[in-house]
Amino acid sequence: MRHEVFALVRRLRAAFSGLLGGVPRRVLVRGGSMVPTLHDGDVVLTWPRRRARTGDVALVRWPARPDQLSVKRLALPDDGGWFALGDAALASTDSRTLGPAEALAVVTHRLWPRPGRLPRR
């Protein structure tokens, strides 16, 4: 019975995530690569199926580091991915070193410590 309930919940979540543009997720920011926009320890809201645009802050992954997720700003589309950069260029390992990144989710809001919508550039 318990397995059937969990299976039903998974099916419902999958169905609704397609209708609602993905399930939003909270992500903890680590490091100083996005200062002054985001700081180490900030909590942000990500939307996995939102269409990414130039200037958006996004949760990204690089093929060279598939187990690592990063929060970066999308600069421009590049070879089927994105050229993604940190706002603090000297403190950031990003597409200048790792090449094009896959945008997994768009970051729209900071939830903590100063709640608010993130600016696009």
PDB file of N, CA and C in Angstrom:
ATOM      1  N   MET A   1       0.824  -1.199   0.000  1.00  0.00           N
ATOM      2  CA  MET A   1       0.000   0.000   0.000  1.00  0.00           C
ATOM      3  C   MET A   1       0.870   1.266   0.000  1.00  0.00           C
ATOM      4  N   ARG A   2       1.891   1.282   0.853  1.00  0.00           N
ATOM      5  CA  ARG A   2       2.754   2.455   0.960  1.00  0.00           C
ATOM      6  C   ARG A   2       3.454   2.740  -0.367  1.00  0.00           C
ATOM      7  N   HIS A   3       3.955   1.689  -1.022  1.00  0.00           N
ATOM      8  CA  HIS A   3       4.627   1.863  -2.309  1.00  0.00           C
ATOM      9  C   HIS A   3       3.666   2.407  -3.362  1.00  0.00           C
ATOM     10  N   GLU A   4       2.412   1.984  -3.299  1.00  0.00           N
ATOM     11  CA  GLU A   4       1.419   2.475  -4.254  1.00  0.00           C
ATOM     12  C   GLU A   4       1.153   3.963  -4.052  1.00  0.00           C
ATOM     13  N   VAL A   5       1.105   4.403  -2.803  1.00  0.00           N
ATOM     14  CA  VAL A   5       0.888   5.824  -2.508  1.00  0.00           C
ATOM     15  C   VAL A   5       2.067   6.648  -3.040  1.00  0.00           C
ATOM     16  N   PHE A   6       3.301   6.197  -2.782  1.00  0.00           N
ATOM     17  CA  PHE A   6       4.475   6.913  -3.268  1.00  0.00           C
ATOM     18  C   PHE A   6       4.501   6.954  -4.794  1.00  0.00           C
ATOM     19  N   ALA A   7       4.112   5.873  -5.432  1.00  0.00           N
ATOM     20  CA  ALA A   7       4.083   5.841  -6.898  1.00  0.00           C
ATOM     21  C   ALA A   7       3.050   6.839  -7.425  1.00  0.00           C
ATOM     22  N   LEU A   8       1.899   6.917  -6.773  1.00  0.00           N
ATOM     23  CA  LEU A   8       0.869   7.868  -7.176  1.00  0.00           C
ATOM     24  C   LEU A   8       1.363   9.310  -7.005  1.00  0.00           C
ATOM     25  N   VAL A   9       2.015   9.585  -5.887  1.00  0.00           N
ATOM     26  CA  VAL A   9       2.550  10.933  -5.652  1.00  0.00           C
ATOM     27  C   VAL A   9       3.570  11.293  -6.725  1.00  0.00           C
ATOM     28  N   ARG A  10       4.445  10.367  -7.086  1.00  0.00           N
ATOM     29  CA  ARG A  10       5.438  10.631  -8.142  1.00  0.00           C
ATOM     30  C   ARG A  10       4.757  10.923  -9.478  1.00  0.00           C
ATOM     31  N   ARG A  11       3.722  10.163  -9.814  1.00  0.00           N
ATOM     32  CA  ARG A  11       3.018  10.387 -11.078  1.00  0.00           C
ATOM     33  C   ARG A  11       2.317  11.746 -11.085  1.00  0.00           C
ATOM     34  N   LEU A  12       1.679  12.107  -9.960  1.00  0.00           N
ATOM     35  CA  LEU A  12       1.007  13.406  -9.869  1.00  0.00           C
ATOM     36  C   LEU A  12       2.008  14.555  -9.952  1.00  0.00           C
ATOM     37  N   ARG A  13       3.137  14.405  -9.258  1.00  0.00           N
ATOM     38  CA  ARG A  13       4.169  15.451  -9.303  1.00  0.00           C
ATOM     39  C   ARG A  13       4.677  15.638 -10.727  1.00  0.00           C
ATOM     40  N   ALA A  14       4.914  14.543 -11.429  1.00  0.00           N
ATOM     41  CA  ALA A  14       5.393  14.628 -12.806  1.00  0.00           C
ATOM     42  C   ALA A  14       4.353  15.300 -13.700  1.00  0.00           C
ATOM     43  N   ALA A  15       3.089  14.942 -13.526  1.00  0.00           N
ATOM     44  CA  ALA A  15       2.024  15.524 -14.345  1.00  0.00           C
ATOM     45  C   ALA A  15       1.888  17.022 -14.095  1.00  0.00           C
ATOM     46  N   PHE A  16       1.871  17.432 -12.820  1.00  0.00           N
ATOM     47  CA  PHE A  16       1.694  18.841 -12.509  1.00  0.00           C
ATOM     48  C   PHE A  16       2.930  19.667 -12.814  1.00  0.00           C
ATOM     49  N   SER A  17       4.109  19.097 -12.708  1.00  0.00           N
ATOM     50  CA  SER A  17       5.310  19.874 -13.013  1.00  0.00           C
ATOM     51  C   SER A  17       5.327  20.255 -14.489  1.00  0.00           C
ATOM     52  N   GLY A  18       4.817  19.392 -15.353  1.00  0.00           N
ATOM     53  CA  GLY A  18       4.724  19.726 -16.766  1.00  0.00           C
ATOM     54  C   GLY A  18       3.729  20.841 -17.025  1.00  0.00           C
ATOM     55  N   LEU A  19       2.620  20.841 -16.286  1.00  0.00           N
ATOM     56  CA  LEU A  19       1.598  21.869 -16.458  1.00  0.00           C
ATOM     57  C   LEU A  19       2.015  23.209 -15.874  1.00  0.00           C
ATOM     58  N   LEU A  20       2.730  23.185 -14.764  1.00  0.00           N
ATOM     59  CA  LEU A  20       3.049  24.409 -14.046  1.00  0.00           C
ATOM     60  C   LEU A  20       4.433  24.953 -14.355  1.00  0.00           C
ATOM     61  N   GLY A  21       5.122  24.402 -15.341  1.00  0.00           N
ATOM     62  CA  GLY A  21       6.432  24.916 -15.694  1.00  0.00           C
ATOM     63  C   GLY A  21       7.528  24.449 -14.766  1.00  0.00           C
ATOM     64  N   GLY A  22       7.358  23.324 -14.151  1.00  0.00           N
ATOM     65  CA  GLY A  22       8.387  22.793 -13.252  1.00  0.00           C
ATOM     66  C   GLY A  22       8.103  23.142 -11.808  1.00  0.00           C
ATOM     67  N   VAL A  23       8.600  22.343 -10.942  1.00  0.00           N
ATOM     68  CA  VAL A  23       8.427  22.554  -9.514  1.00  0.00           C
ATOM     69  C   VAL A  23       9.560  23.459  -9.031  1.00  0.00           C
ATOM     70  N   PRO A  24       9.236  24.582  -8.393  1.00  0.00           N
ATOM     71  CA  PRO A  24      10.309  25.455  -7.914  1.00  0.00           C
ATOM     72  C   PRO A  24      11.107  24.772  -6.808  1.00  0.00           C
ATOM     73  N   ARG A  25      12.388  25.094  -6.751  1.00  0.00           N
ATOM     74  CA  ARG A  25      13.289  24.509  -5.757  1.00  0.00           C
ATOM     75  C   ARG A  25      14.055  25.618  -5.056  1.00  0.00           C
ATOM     76  N   ARG A  26      14.353  25.383  -3.783  1.00  0.00           N
ATOM     77  CA  ARG A  26      15.237  26.282  -3.036  1.00  0.00           C
ATOM     78  C   ARG A  26      16.662  25.786  -3.211  1.00  0.00           C
ATOM     79  N   VAL A  27      17.588  26.724  -3.416  1.00  0.00           N
ATOM     80  CA  VAL A  27      19.000  26.386  -3.597  1.00  0.00           C
ATOM     81  C   VAL A  27      19.828  27.285  -2.688  1.00  0.00           C
ATOM     82  N   LEU A  28      20.787  26.702  -1.991  1.00  0.00           N
ATOM     83  CA  LEU A  28      21.710  27.440  -1.139  1.00  0.00           C
ATOM     84  C   LEU A  28      22.915  27.859  -1.968  1.00  0.00           C
ATOM     85  N   VAL A  29      23.231  29.143  -1.972  1.00  0.00           N
ATOM     86  CA  VAL A  29      24.371  29.670  -2.725  1.00  0.00           C
ATOM     87  C   VAL A  29      25.632  29.484  -1.891  1.00  0.00           C
ATOM     88  N   ARG A  30      26.683  28.973  -2.535  1.00  0.00           N
ATOM     89  CA  ARG A  30      27.978  28.793  -1.881  1.00  0.00           C
ATOM     90  C   ARG A  30      29.038  29.544  -2.670  1.00  0.00           C
ATOM     91  N   GLY A  31      29.886  30.283  -1.965  1.00  0.00           N
ATOM     92  CA  GLY A  31      30.981  30.990  -2.599  1.00  0.00           C
ATOM     93  C   GLY A  31      30.635  32.428  -2.938  1.00  0.00           C
ATOM     94  N   GLY A  32      31.636  33.163  -3.390  1.00  0.00           N
ATOM     95  CA  GLY A  32      31.477  34.583  -3.662  1.00  0.00           C
ATOM     96  C   GLY A  32      31.459  34.962  -5.122  1.00  0.00           C
ATOM     97  N   SER A  33      31.231  34.018  -6.014  1.00  0.00           N
ATOM     98  CA  SER A  33      31.315  34.314  -7.444  1.00  0.00           C
ATOM     99  C   SER A  33      30.184  35.202  -7.961  1.00  0.00           C
ATOM    100  N   MET A  34      29.092  35.342  -7.217  1.00  0.00           N
ATOM    101  CA  MET A  34      27.960  36.140  -7.684  1.00  0.00           C
ATOM    102  C   MET A  34      27.784  37.454  -6.920  1.00  0.00           C
ATOM    103  N   VAL A  35      28.785  37.834  -6.114  1.00  0.00           N
ATOM    104  CA  VAL A  35      28.733  39.111  -5.405  1.00  0.00           C
ATOM    105  C   VAL A  35      28.818  40.227  -6.449  1.00  0.00           C
ATOM    106  N   PRO A  36      28.034  41.284  -6.406  1.00  0.00           N
ATOM    107  CA  PRO A  36      27.186  41.729  -5.313  1.00  0.00           C
ATOM    108  C   PRO A  36      25.740  41.249  -5.388  1.00  0.00           C
ATOM    109  N   THR A  37      25.360  40.542  -6.442  1.00  0.00           N
ATOM    110  CA  THR A  37      23.965  40.106  -6.586  1.00  0.00           C
ATOM    111  C   THR A  37      23.583  39.102  -5.510  1.00  0.00           C
ATOM    112  N   LEU A  38      24.418  38.086  -5.307  1.00  0.00           N
ATOM    113  CA  LEU A  38      24.172  37.044  -4.316  1.00  0.00           C
ATOM    114  C   LEU A  38      25.436  36.835  -3.490  1.00  0.00           C
ATOM    115  N   HIS A  39      25.238  36.410  -2.252  1.00  0.00           N
ATOM    116  CA  HIS A  39      26.355  36.181  -1.339  1.00  0.00           C
ATOM    117  C   HIS A  39      26.339  34.749  -0.826  1.00  0.00           C
ATOM    118  N   ASP A  40      27.484  34.296  -0.341  1.00  0.00           N
ATOM    119  CA  ASP A  40      27.591  32.971   0.266  1.00  0.00           C
ATOM    120  C   ASP A  40      26.543  32.843   1.368  1.00  0.00           C
ATOM    121  N   GLY A  41      25.732  31.788   1.310  1.00  0.00           N
ATOM    122  CA  GLY A  41      24.697  31.555   2.310  1.00  0.00           C
ATOM    123  C   GLY A  41      23.314  32.033   1.919  1.00  0.00           C
ATOM    124  N   ASP A  42      23.193  32.789   0.827  1.00  0.00           N
ATOM    125  CA  ASP A  42      21.863  33.196   0.365  1.00  0.00           C
ATOM    126  C   ASP A  42      21.077  31.964  -0.075  1.00  0.00           C
ATOM    127  N   VAL A  43      19.767  32.022   0.077  1.00  0.00           N
ATOM    128  CA  VAL A  43      18.875  30.965  -0.411  1.00  0.00           C
ATOM    129  C   VAL A  43      18.045  31.570  -1.535  1.00  0.00           C
ATOM    130  N   VAL A  44      18.032  30.896  -2.691  1.00  0.00           N
ATOM    131  CA  VAL A  44      17.330  31.409  -3.866  1.00  0.00           C
ATOM    132  C   VAL A  44      16.260  30.424  -4.325  1.00  0.00           C
ATOM    133  N   LEU A  45      15.321  30.943  -5.121  1.00  0.00           N
ATOM    134  CA  LEU A  45      14.242  30.137  -5.694  1.00  0.00           C
ATOM    135  C   LEU A  45      14.537  29.902  -7.166  1.00  0.00           C
ATOM    136  N   THR A  46      14.530  28.640  -7.587  1.00  0.00           N
ATOM    137  CA  THR A  46      14.801  28.292  -8.984  1.00  0.00           C
ATOM    138  C   THR A  46      13.565  27.664  -9.621  1.00  0.00           C
ATOM    139  N   TRP A  47      13.415  27.911 -10.920  1.00  0.00           N
ATOM    140  CA  TRP A  47      12.316  27.351 -11.713  1.00  0.00           C
ATOM    141  C   TRP A  47      12.915  26.530 -12.841  1.00  0.00           C
ATOM    142  N   PRO A  48      12.808  25.185 -12.762  1.00  0.00           N
ATOM    143  CA  PRO A  48      13.484  24.315 -13.718  1.00  0.00           C
ATOM    144  C   PRO A  48      13.033  24.407 -15.162  1.00  0.00           C
ATOM    145  N   ARG A  49      11.816  24.731 -15.441  1.00  0.00           N
ATOM    146  CA  ARG A  49      11.362  24.696 -16.838  1.00  0.00           C
ATOM    147  C   ARG A  49      11.109  26.079 -17.413  1.00  0.00           C
ATOM    148  N   ARG A  50      11.505  27.092 -16.701  1.00  0.00           N
ATOM    149  CA  ARG A  50      11.349  28.457 -17.213  1.00  0.00           C
ATOM    150  C   ARG A  50      12.364  28.692 -18.324  1.00  0.00           C
ATOM    151  N   ARG A  51      11.960  29.359 -19.372  1.00  0.00           N
ATOM    152  CA  ARG A  51      12.853  29.622 -20.496  1.00  0.00           C
ATOM    153  C   ARG A  51      13.947  30.603 -20.078  1.00  0.00           C
ATOM    154  N   ALA A  52      15.187  30.215 -20.258  1.00  0.00           N
ATOM    155  CA  ALA A  52      16.318  31.054 -19.894  1.00  0.00           C
ATOM    156  C   ALA A  52      16.560  32.104 -20.964  1.00  0.00           C
ATOM    157  N   ARG A  53      16.919  33.313 -20.515  1.00  0.00           N
ATOM    158  CA  ARG A  53      17.230  34.411 -21.430  1.00  0.00           C
ATOM    159  C   ARG A  53      18.550  35.050 -21.017  1.00  0.00           C
ATOM    160  N   THR A  54      19.179  35.698 -21.958  1.00  0.00           N
ATOM    161  CA  THR A  54      20.418  36.419 -21.679  1.00  0.00           C
ATOM    162  C   THR A  54      20.183  37.394 -20.527  1.00  0.00           C
ATOM    163  N   GLY A  55      21.095  37.385 -19.557  1.00  0.00           N
ATOM    164  CA  GLY A  55      20.992  38.267 -18.398  1.00  0.00           C
ATOM    165  C   GLY A  55      20.369  37.615 -17.180  1.00  0.00           C
ATOM    166  N   ASP A  56      19.724  36.454 -17.354  1.00  0.00           N
ATOM    167  CA  ASP A  56      19.136  35.740 -16.213  1.00  0.00           C
ATOM    168  C   ASP A  56      20.228  35.140 -15.337  1.00  0.00           C
ATOM    169  N   VAL A  57      19.947  35.043 -14.046  1.00  0.00           N
ATOM    170  CA  VAL A  57      20.762  34.235 -13.148  1.00  0.00           C
ATOM    171  C   VAL A  57      20.177  32.832 -13.223  1.00  0.00           C
ATOM    172  N   ALA A  58      21.044  31.832 -13.287  1.00  0.00           N
ATOM    173  CA  ALA A  58      20.557  30.465 -13.495  1.00  0.00           C
ATOM    174  C   ALA A  58      21.379  29.456 -12.706  1.00  0.00           C
ATOM    175  N   LEU A  59      20.757  28.319 -12.451  1.00  0.00           N
ATOM    176  CA  LEU A  59      21.448  27.155 -11.908  1.00  0.00           C
ATOM    177  C   LEU A  59      21.993  26.407 -13.115  1.00  0.00           C
ATOM    178  N   VAL A  60      23.319  26.225 -13.167  1.00  0.00           N
ATOM    179  CA  VAL A  60      23.953  25.637 -14.350  1.00  0.00           C
ATOM    180  C   VAL A  60      24.821  24.442 -13.971  1.00  0.00           C
ATOM    181  N   ARG A  61      25.136  23.657 -15.010  1.00  0.00           N
ATOM    182  CA  ARG A  61      26.045  22.508 -14.870  1.00  0.00           C
ATOM    183  C   ARG A  61      26.936  22.471 -16.099  1.00  0.00           C
ATOM    184  N   TRP A  62      28.218  22.161 -15.882  1.00  0.00           N
ATOM    185  CA  TRP A  62      29.173  22.038 -16.980  1.00  0.00           C
ATOM    186  C   TRP A  62      29.453  20.576 -17.258  1.00  0.00           C
ATOM    187  N   PRO A  63      29.576  20.192 -18.538  1.00  0.00           N
ATOM    188  CA  PRO A  63      29.930  18.806 -18.879  1.00  0.00           C
ATOM    189  C   PRO A  63      31.245  18.366 -18.225  1.00  0.00           C
ATOM    190  N   ALA A  64      32.182  19.297 -18.040  1.00  0.00           N
ATOM    191  CA  ALA A  64      33.465  18.956 -17.422  1.00  0.00           C
ATOM    192  C   ALA A  64      33.327  18.645 -15.930  1.00  0.00           C
ATOM    193  N   ARG A  65      32.230  19.115 -15.304  1.00  0.00           N
ATOM    194  CA  ARG A  65      31.972  18.886 -13.876  1.00  0.00           C
ATOM    195  C   ARG A  65      30.507  18.485 -13.683  1.00  0.00           C
ATOM    196  N   PRO A  66      30.119  17.312 -14.134  1.00  0.00           N
ATOM    197  CA  PRO A  66      28.692  16.945 -14.128  1.00  0.00           C
ATOM    198  C   PRO A  66      28.070  16.816 -12.745  1.00  0.00           C
ATOM    199  N   ASP A  67      28.870  16.626 -11.703  1.00  0.00           N
ATOM    200  CA  ASP A  67      28.318  16.479 -10.354  1.00  0.00           C
ATOM    201  C   ASP A  67      28.222  17.804  -9.603  1.00  0.00           C
ATOM    202  N   GLN A  68      28.667  18.889 -10.215  1.00  0.00           N
ATOM    203  CA  GLN A  68      28.677  20.184  -9.549  1.00  0.00           C
ATOM    204  C   GLN A  68      27.648  21.108 -10.176  1.00  0.00           C
ATOM    205  N   LEU A  69      26.814  21.721  -9.335  1.00  0.00           N
ATOM    206  CA  LEU A  69      25.872  22.733  -9.793  1.00  0.00           C
ATOM    207  C   LEU A  69      26.390  24.096  -9.358  1.00  0.00           C
ATOM    208  N   SER A  70      26.175  25.109 -10.184  1.00  0.00           N
ATOM    209  CA  SER A  70      26.632  26.462  -9.876  1.00  0.00           C
ATOM    210  C   SER A  70      25.529  27.454 -10.197  1.00  0.00           C
ATOM    211  N   VAL A  71      25.557  28.590  -9.512  1.00  0.00           N
ATOM    212  CA  VAL A  71      24.653  29.695  -9.811  1.00  0.00           C
ATOM    213  C   VAL A  71      25.479  30.758 -10.526  1.00  0.00           C
ATOM    214  N   LYS A  72      25.107  31.060 -11.771  1.00  0.00           N
ATOM    215  CA  LYS A  72      25.846  32.014 -12.606  1.00  0.00           C
ATOM    216  C   LYS A  72      24.871  32.847 -13.433  1.00  0.00           C
ATOM    217  N   ARG A  73      25.392  33.916 -14.042  1.00  0.00           N
ATOM    218  CA  ARG A  73      24.591  34.747 -14.926  1.00  0.00           C
ATOM    219  C   ARG A  73      24.796  34.279 -16.367  1.00  0.00           C
ATOM    220  N   LEU A  74      23.703  34.154 -17.116  1.00  0.00           N
ATOM    221  CA  LEU A  74      23.775  33.710 -18.507  1.00  0.00           C
ATOM    222  C   LEU A  74      24.141  34.897 -19.396  1.00  0.00           C
ATOM    223  N   ALA A  75      25.276  34.788 -20.066  1.00  0.00           N
ATOM    224  CA  ALA A  75      25.760  35.897 -20.887  1.00  0.00           C
ATOM    225  C   ALA A  75      25.256  35.793 -22.326  1.00  0.00           C
ATOM    226  N   LEU A  76      25.413  34.608 -22.939  1.00  0.00           N
ATOM    227  CA  LEU A  76      24.912  34.429 -24.302  1.00  0.00           C
ATOM    228  C   LEU A  76      24.871  32.952 -24.654  1.00  0.00           C
ATOM    229  N   PRO A  77      23.936  32.592 -25.556  1.00  0.00           N
ATOM    230  CA  PRO A  77      23.871  31.187 -25.990  1.00  0.00           C
ATOM    231  C   PRO A  77      25.170  30.801 -26.682  1.00  0.00           C
ATOM    232  N   ASP A  78      25.616  29.538 -26.465  1.00  0.00           N
ATOM    233  CA  ASP A  78      26.905  29.113 -27.008  1.00  0.00           C
ATOM    234  C   ASP A  78      26.908  27.603 -27.227  1.00  0.00           C
ATOM    235  N   ASP A  79      26.991  27.165 -28.465  1.00  0.00           N
ATOM    236  CA  ASP A  79      27.110  25.737 -28.806  1.00  0.00           C
ATOM    237  C   ASP A  79      26.073  24.850 -28.119  1.00  0.00           C
ATOM    238  N   GLY A  80      24.810  25.237 -28.163  1.00  0.00           N
ATOM    239  CA  GLY A  80      23.755  24.433 -27.561  1.00  0.00           C
ATOM    240  C   GLY A  80      23.659  24.584 -26.059  1.00  0.00           C
ATOM    241  N   GLY A  81      24.474  25.434 -25.481  1.00  0.00           N
ATOM    242  CA  GLY A  81      24.443  25.709 -24.045  1.00  0.00           C
ATOM    243  C   GLY A  81      24.487  27.213 -23.836  1.00  0.00           C
ATOM    244  N   TRP A  82      25.076  27.619 -22.719  1.00  0.00           N
ATOM    245  CA  TRP A  82      25.172  29.039 -22.395  1.00  0.00           C
ATOM    246  C   TRP A  82      26.582  29.386 -21.959  1.00  0.00           C
ATOM    247  N   PHE A  83      27.044  30.559 -22.338  1.00  0.00           N
ATOM    248  CA  PHE A  83      28.267  31.124 -21.784  1.00  0.00           C
ATOM    249  C   PHE A  83      27.821  31.770 -20.483  1.00  0.00           C
ATOM    250  N   ALA A  84      28.188  31.157 -19.362  1.00  0.00           N
ATOM    251  CA  ALA A  84      27.713  31.571 -18.038  1.00  0.00           C
ATOM    252  C   ALA A  84      28.874  32.133 -17.231  1.00  0.00           C
ATOM    253  N   LEU A  85      28.650  33.296 -16.610  1.00  0.00           N
ATOM    254  CA  LEU A  85      29.701  33.989 -15.876  1.00  0.00           C
ATOM    255  C   LEU A  85      29.251  34.344 -14.469  1.00  0.00           C
ATOM    256  N   GLY A  86      30.206  34.409 -13.548  1.00  0.00           N
ATOM    257  CA  GLY A  86      29.932  34.941 -12.220  1.00  0.00           C
ATOM    258  C   GLY A  86      29.961  36.452 -12.277  1.00  0.00           C
ATOM    259  N   ASP A  87      29.168  37.116 -11.425  1.00  0.00           N
ATOM    260  CA  ASP A  87      29.169  38.579 -11.392  1.00  0.00           C
ATOM    261  C   ASP A  87      30.493  39.117 -10.855  1.00  0.00           C
ATOM    262  N   ALA A  88      31.177  38.353 -10.003  1.00  0.00           N
ATOM    263  CA  ALA A  88      32.496  38.730  -9.487  1.00  0.00           C
ATOM    264  C   ALA A  88      33.537  37.967 -10.301  1.00  0.00           C
ATOM    265  N   ALA A  89      33.976  38.562 -11.393  1.00  0.00           N
ATOM    266  CA  ALA A  89      34.818  37.863 -12.367  1.00  0.00           C
ATOM    267  C   ALA A  89      36.091  37.271 -11.759  1.00  0.00           C
ATOM    268  N   LEU A  90      36.721  37.960 -10.828  1.00  0.00           N
ATOM    269  CA  LEU A  90      37.978  37.470 -10.258  1.00  0.00           C
ATOM    270  C   LEU A  90      37.778  36.319  -9.272  1.00  0.00           C
ATOM    271  N   ALA A  91      36.549  36.135  -8.794  1.00  0.00           N
ATOM    272  CA  ALA A  91      36.265  35.081  -7.818  1.00  0.00           C
ATOM    273  C   ALA A  91      35.471  33.929  -8.420  1.00  0.00           C
ATOM    274  N   SER A  92      35.399  33.869  -9.748  1.00  0.00           N
ATOM    275  CA  SER A  92      34.499  32.917 -10.387  1.00  0.00           C
ATOM    276  C   SER A  92      35.228  31.949 -11.321  1.00  0.00           C
ATOM    277  N   THR A  93      34.913  30.671 -11.171  1.00  0.00           N
ATOM    278  CA  THR A  93      35.274  29.672 -12.177  1.00  0.00           C
ATOM    279  C   THR A  93      34.013  29.469 -12.997  1.00  0.00           C
ATOM    280  N   ASP A  94      34.072  29.759 -14.281  1.00  0.00           N
ATOM    281  CA  ASP A  94      32.859  29.781 -15.093  1.00  0.00           C
ATOM    282  C   ASP A  94      33.180  29.383 -16.532  1.00  0.00           C
ATOM    283  N   SER A  95      32.379  29.824 -17.475  1.00  0.00           N
ATOM    284  CA  SER A  95      32.544  29.410 -18.870  1.00  0.00           C
ATOM    285  C   SER A  95      33.865  29.862 -19.489  1.00  0.00           C
ATOM    286  N   ARG A  96      34.500  30.853 -18.911  1.00  0.00           N
ATOM    287  CA  ARG A  96      35.819  31.253 -19.424  1.00  0.00           C
ATOM    288  C   ARG A  96      36.829  30.124 -19.249  1.00  0.00           C
ATOM    289  N   THR A  97      36.610  29.288 -18.223  1.00  0.00           N
ATOM    290  CA  THR A  97      37.495  28.158 -17.952  1.00  0.00           C
ATOM    291  C   THR A  97      36.893  26.831 -18.410  1.00  0.00           C
ATOM    292  N   LEU A  98      35.585  26.665 -18.190  1.00  0.00           N
ATOM    293  CA  LEU A  98      34.932  25.367 -18.366  1.00  0.00           C
ATOM    294  C   LEU A  98      34.145  25.213 -19.663  1.00  0.00           C
ATOM    295  N   GLY A  99      34.005  26.279 -20.438  1.00  0.00           N
ATOM    296  CA  GLY A  99      33.237  26.198 -21.677  1.00  0.00           C
ATOM    297  C   GLY A  99      31.745  26.375 -21.445  1.00  0.00           C
ATOM    298  N   PRO A 100      30.921  26.067 -22.450  1.00  0.00           N
ATOM    299  CA  PRO A 100      29.476  26.268 -22.342  1.00  0.00           C
ATOM    300  C   PRO A 100      28.858  25.431 -21.220  1.00  0.00           C
ATOM    301  N   ALA A 101      27.841  26.013 -20.583  1.00  0.00           N
ATOM    302  CA  ALA A 101      27.128  25.352 -19.479  1.00  0.00           C
ATOM    303  C   ALA A 101      25.696  25.048 -19.894  1.00  0.00           C
ATOM    304  N   GLU A 102      25.122  24.064 -19.248  1.00  0.00           N
ATOM    305  CA  GLU A 102      23.701  23.742 -19.426  1.00  0.00           C
ATOM    306  C   GLU A 102      22.910  24.489 -18.356  1.00  0.00           C
ATOM    307  N   ALA A 103      21.927  25.287 -18.777  1.00  0.00           N
ATOM    308  CA  ALA A 103      21.063  25.993 -17.824  1.00  0.00           C
ATOM    309  C   ALA A 103      19.971  25.030 -17.368  1.00  0.00           C
ATOM    310  N   LEU A 104      19.977  24.684 -16.086  1.00  0.00           N
ATOM    311  CA  LEU A 104      19.014  23.730 -15.537  1.00  0.00           C
ATOM    312  C   LEU A 104      17.759  24.411 -15.009  1.00  0.00           C
ATOM    313  N   ALA A 105      17.914  25.634 -14.502  1.00  0.00           N
ATOM    314  CA  ALA A 105      16.786  26.346 -13.902  1.00  0.00           C
ATOM    315  C   ALA A 105      17.118  27.829 -13.852  1.00  0.00           C
ATOM    316  N   VAL A 106      16.086  28.656 -13.938  1.00  0.00           N
ATOM    317  CA  VAL A 106      16.252  30.100 -13.821  1.00  0.00           C
ATOM    318  C   VAL A 106      16.026  30.497 -12.366  1.00  0.00           C
ATOM    319  N   VAL A 107      16.937  31.320 -11.840  1.00  0.00           N
ATOM    320  CA  VAL A 107      16.824  31.833 -10.471  1.00  0.00           C
ATOM    321  C   VAL A 107      16.049  33.145 -10.549  1.00  0.00           C
ATOM    322  N   THR A 108      14.924  33.218  -9.843  1.00  0.00           N
ATOM    323  CA  THR A 108      14.075  34.411  -9.942  1.00  0.00           C
ATOM    324  C   THR A 108      14.097  35.278  -8.689  1.00  0.00           C
ATOM    325  N   HIS A 109      14.243  34.654  -7.511  1.00  0.00           N
ATOM    326  CA  HIS A 109      14.135  35.401  -6.258  1.00  0.00           C
ATOM    327  C   HIS A 109      15.176  34.945  -5.243  1.00  0.00           C
ATOM    328  N   ARG A 110      15.584  35.864  -4.400  1.00  0.00           N
ATOM    329  CA  ARG A 110      16.337  35.523  -3.195  1.00  0.00           C
ATOM    330  C   ARG A 110      15.284  35.357  -2.099  1.00  0.00           C
ATOM    331  N   LEU A 111      15.337  34.254  -1.387  1.00  0.00           N
ATOM    332  CA  LEU A 111      14.386  33.993  -0.312  1.00  0.00           C
ATOM    333  C   LEU A 111      14.927  34.418   1.056  1.00  0.00           C
ATOM    334  N   TRP A 112      16.270  34.324   1.201  1.00  0.00           N
ATOM    335  CA  TRP A 112      16.894  34.673   2.470  1.00  0.00           C
ATOM    336  C   TRP A 112      18.303  35.145   2.222  1.00  0.00           C
ATOM    337  N   PRO A 113      18.845  36.128   2.849  1.00  0.00           N
ATOM    338  CA  PRO A 113      18.336  36.866   3.990  1.00  0.00           C
ATOM    339  C   PRO A 113      17.551  38.127   3.626  1.00  0.00           C
ATOM    340  N   ARG A 114      17.654  38.619   2.410  1.00  0.00           N
ATOM    341  CA  ARG A 114      16.924  39.819   1.981  1.00  0.00           C
ATOM    342  C   ARG A 114      15.985  39.426   0.846  1.00  0.00           C
ATOM    343  N   PRO A 115      14.764  38.985   1.172  1.00  0.00           N
ATOM    344  CA  PRO A 115      13.865  38.484   0.131  1.00  0.00           C
ATOM    345  C   PRO A 115      13.586  39.533  -0.945  1.00  0.00           C
ATOM    346  N   GLY A 116      13.548  39.062  -2.181  1.00  0.00           N
ATOM    347  CA  GLY A 116      13.209  39.953  -3.285  1.00  0.00           C
ATOM    348  C   GLY A 116      13.549  39.330  -4.628  1.00  0.00           C
ATOM    349  N   ARG A 117      13.032  39.960  -5.659  1.00  0.00           N
ATOM    350  CA  ARG A 117      13.263  39.503  -7.034  1.00  0.00           C
ATOM    351  C   ARG A 117      14.687  39.866  -7.447  1.00  0.00           C
ATOM    352  N   LEU A 118      15.333  38.967  -8.201  1.00  0.00           N
ATOM    353  CA  LEU A 118      16.680  39.228  -8.677  1.00  0.00           C
ATOM    354  C   LEU A 118      16.637  40.079  -9.945  1.00  0.00           C
ATOM    355  N   PRO A 119      17.572  41.016 -10.070  1.00  0.00           N
ATOM    356  CA  PRO A 119      17.604  41.844 -11.280  1.00  0.00           C
ATOM    357  C   PRO A 119      18.206  41.092 -12.457  1.00  0.00           C
ATOM    358  N   ARG A 120      17.707  41.387 -13.649  1.00  0.00           N
ATOM    359  CA  ARG A 120      18.318  40.864 -14.878  1.00  0.00           C
ATOM    360  C   ARG A 120      19.261  41.935 -15.385  1.00  0.00           C
ATOM    361  N   ARG A 121      20.274  41.519 -16.093  1.00  0.00           N
ATOM    362  CA  ARG A 121      21.202  42.490 -16.695  1.00  0.00           C
ATOM    363  C   ARG A 121      21.160  42.398 -18.197  1.00  0.00           C
TER     364      ARG A 121
END
